[in-house]
Protein backbone atom coordinates (compact mmCIF):
# COMPACT_ATOMS: atom_id res chain seq x y z
CA UNK A 1 -8.11 17.91 -4.06
CA UNK A 2 -6.17 15.45 -3.63
CA UNK A 3 -7.73 11.83 -3.56
CA UNK A 4 -6.22 8.09 -2.98
CA UNK A 5 -8.39 5.66 -2.94
CA UNK A 6 -7.64 2.31 -1.68
CA UNK A 7 -9.34 -1.47 -3.00
CA UNK A 8 -8.79 -4.99 -3.66
CA UNK A 9 -8.72 -5.90 0.17
CA UNK A 10 -10.54 -9.03 1.65
CA UNK A 11 -10.36 -12.17 3.65
CA UNK A 12 -7.59 -14.85 2.31
CA UNK A 13 -6.24 -17.76 3.91
CA UNK A 14 -2.93 -18.15 5.40
CA UNK A 15 -0.61 -18.64 2.45
CA UNK A 16 -2.74 -16.87 -0.29
CA UNK A 17 -2.11 -13.85 -2.07
CA UNK A 18 -3.80 -10.65 -2.71
CA UNK A 19 -2.94 -6.98 -4.98
CA UNK A 20 -4.34 -3.91 -3.43
CA UNK A 21 -4.42 -0.84 -5.85
CA UNK A 22 -4.30 2.81 -4.96
CA UNK A 23 -6.07 5.58 -7.16
CA UNK A 24 -4.36 8.79 -7.21
CA UNK A 25 -6.04 12.19 -8.04
CA UNK A 26 -5.48 15.89 -7.98
CA UNK A 27 -1.67 15.75 -8.10
CA UNK A 28 1.04 15.10 -10.54
CA UNK A 29 1.20 11.39 -9.27
CA UNK A 30 4.26 10.86 -11.51
CA UNK A 31 6.61 12.68 -9.62
CA UNK A 32 5.86 11.99 -6.18
CA UNK A 33 7.19 8.93 -4.10
CA UNK A 34 4.32 6.83 -2.76
CA UNK A 35 3.80 4.55 -0.18
CA UNK A 36 1.91 1.62 1.75
CA UNK A 37 1.23 1.60 5.20
CA UNK A 38 -0.73 -0.67 7.64
CA UNK A 39 -2.71 -0.80 11.39
CA UNK A 40 -3.53 -3.43 12.76
CA UNK A 41 -5.63 -3.43 15.77
CA UNK A 42 -4.41 -2.08 18.45
CA UNK A 43 -1.50 -1.11 16.84
CA UNK A 44 0.57 1.90 15.42
CA UNK A 45 0.47 2.65 11.82
CA UNK A 46 3.38 1.02 10.61
CA UNK A 47 5.35 1.51 6.89
CA UNK A 48 5.35 -1.18 4.80
CA UNK A 49 6.68 -0.31 1.44
CA UNK A 50 7.72 2.50 -1.17
CA UNK A 51 8.31 3.30 -4.33
CA UNK A 52 10.07 6.47 -5.90
CA UNK A 53 8.38 8.59 -8.83
CA UNK A 54 10.05 6.24 -11.84
CA UNK A 55 9.18 2.86 -9.86
CA UNK A 56 13.05 2.06 -10.27
CA UNK A 57 13.74 2.62 -6.63
CA UNK A 58 11.60 0.43 -3.45
CA UNK A 59 11.68 -0.20 0.08
CA UNK A 60 10.11 -2.73 2.26
CA UNK A 61 9.67 -3.23 5.79
CA UNK A 62 11.69 -6.38 7.16
CA UNK A 63 8.50 -8.21 7.94
CA UNK A 64 7.14 -7.99 4.32
CA UNK A 65 10.26 -8.26 2.37
CA UNK A 66 10.36 -11.35 -0.53
CA UNK A 67 6.64 -11.99 -0.07
CA UNK A 68 5.17 -7.97 -1.09
CA UNK A 69 5.90 -6.03 -4.12
CA UNK A 70 5.19 -2.77 -4.40
CA UNK A 71 5.01 -1.25 -8.08
CA UNK A 72 3.32 1.74 -9.97
CA UNK A 73 1.68 2.56 -13.41
CA UNK A 74 2.27 6.39 -14.29
CA UNK A 75 -0.09 5.97 -16.86
CA UNK A 76 -2.98 4.93 -14.45
CA UNK A 77 -2.08 7.08 -11.98
CA UNK A 78 -2.26 3.95 -9.91
CA UNK A 79 0.29 2.20 -7.20
CA UNK A 80 -0.33 -1.05 -6.36
CA UNK A 81 0.98 -4.04 -3.63
CA UNK A 82 0.97 -7.50 -4.73
CA UNK A 83 1.08 -9.92 -1.50
CA UNK A 84 1.98 -13.34 -1.73
CA UNK A 85 2.39 -15.83 1.28
CA UNK A 86 -0.18 -14.15 3.39
CA UNK A 87 0.26 -14.47 7.44
CA UNK A 88 -2.61 -13.72 9.95
CA UNK A 89 -0.08 -11.08 11.38
CA UNK A 90 -0.49 -9.29 8.60
CA UNK A 91 -4.27 -8.39 9.24
CA UNK A 92 -4.58 -4.84 9.05
CA UNK A 93 -6.26 -1.74 7.15
CA UNK A 94 -4.05 -1.08 4.30
CA UNK A 95 -3.26 2.53 3.61
CA UNK A 96 -1.59 4.78 0.55
CA UNK A 97 0.13 7.97 1.41
CA UNK A 98 1.61 10.88 -0.50
CA UNK A 99 3.48 13.89 1.03
CA UNK A 100 4.87 17.19 -0.87
CA UNK A 101 7.05 17.18 2.35
CA UNK A 102 4.35 20.13 4.04
CA UNK A 103 1.78 17.91 4.23
CA UNK A 104 0.35 14.59 3.85
CA UNK A 105 -2.66 12.78 2.25
CA UNK A 106 -4.20 9.55 3.44
CA UNK A 107 -6.25 7.21 1.38
CA UNK A 108 -9.55 5.54 3.55
CA UNK A 109 -8.03 2.49 3.64
CA UNK A 110 -9.01 -0.96 3.01
CA UNK A 111 -9.01 -4.12 5.38
CA UNK A 112 -7.35 -7.27 4.73
CA UNK A 113 -7.87 -10.21 6.86
CA UNK A 114 -5.58 -13.17 6.82
CA UNK A 115 -7.87 -16.09 8.20
CA UNK A 116 -8.80 -19.71 8.10
């Protein structure tokens, strides 16, 4: 079955960096658009970034443009989110997502906390 496992979250000071990973299994990873979402306490889940199947096409939320970079390694069935210049408002649980147009699959999430 489809499995998405996020890792790499943690506590970081403002201005710091983290790299999240999403390890995928149970489907042909290289054929699907992949996405990162996040959900802060008391807020709705929001889109952060998306990446096309080949990695050439990417899209970012305005709030993270220029600071976050999404990438993927189709040989390792893994997607990444490099997060630089982190801000307290980036604090959230970060989720990876894949959809086949009918069903949507989410990982369990990884906590990112930006605080001094």
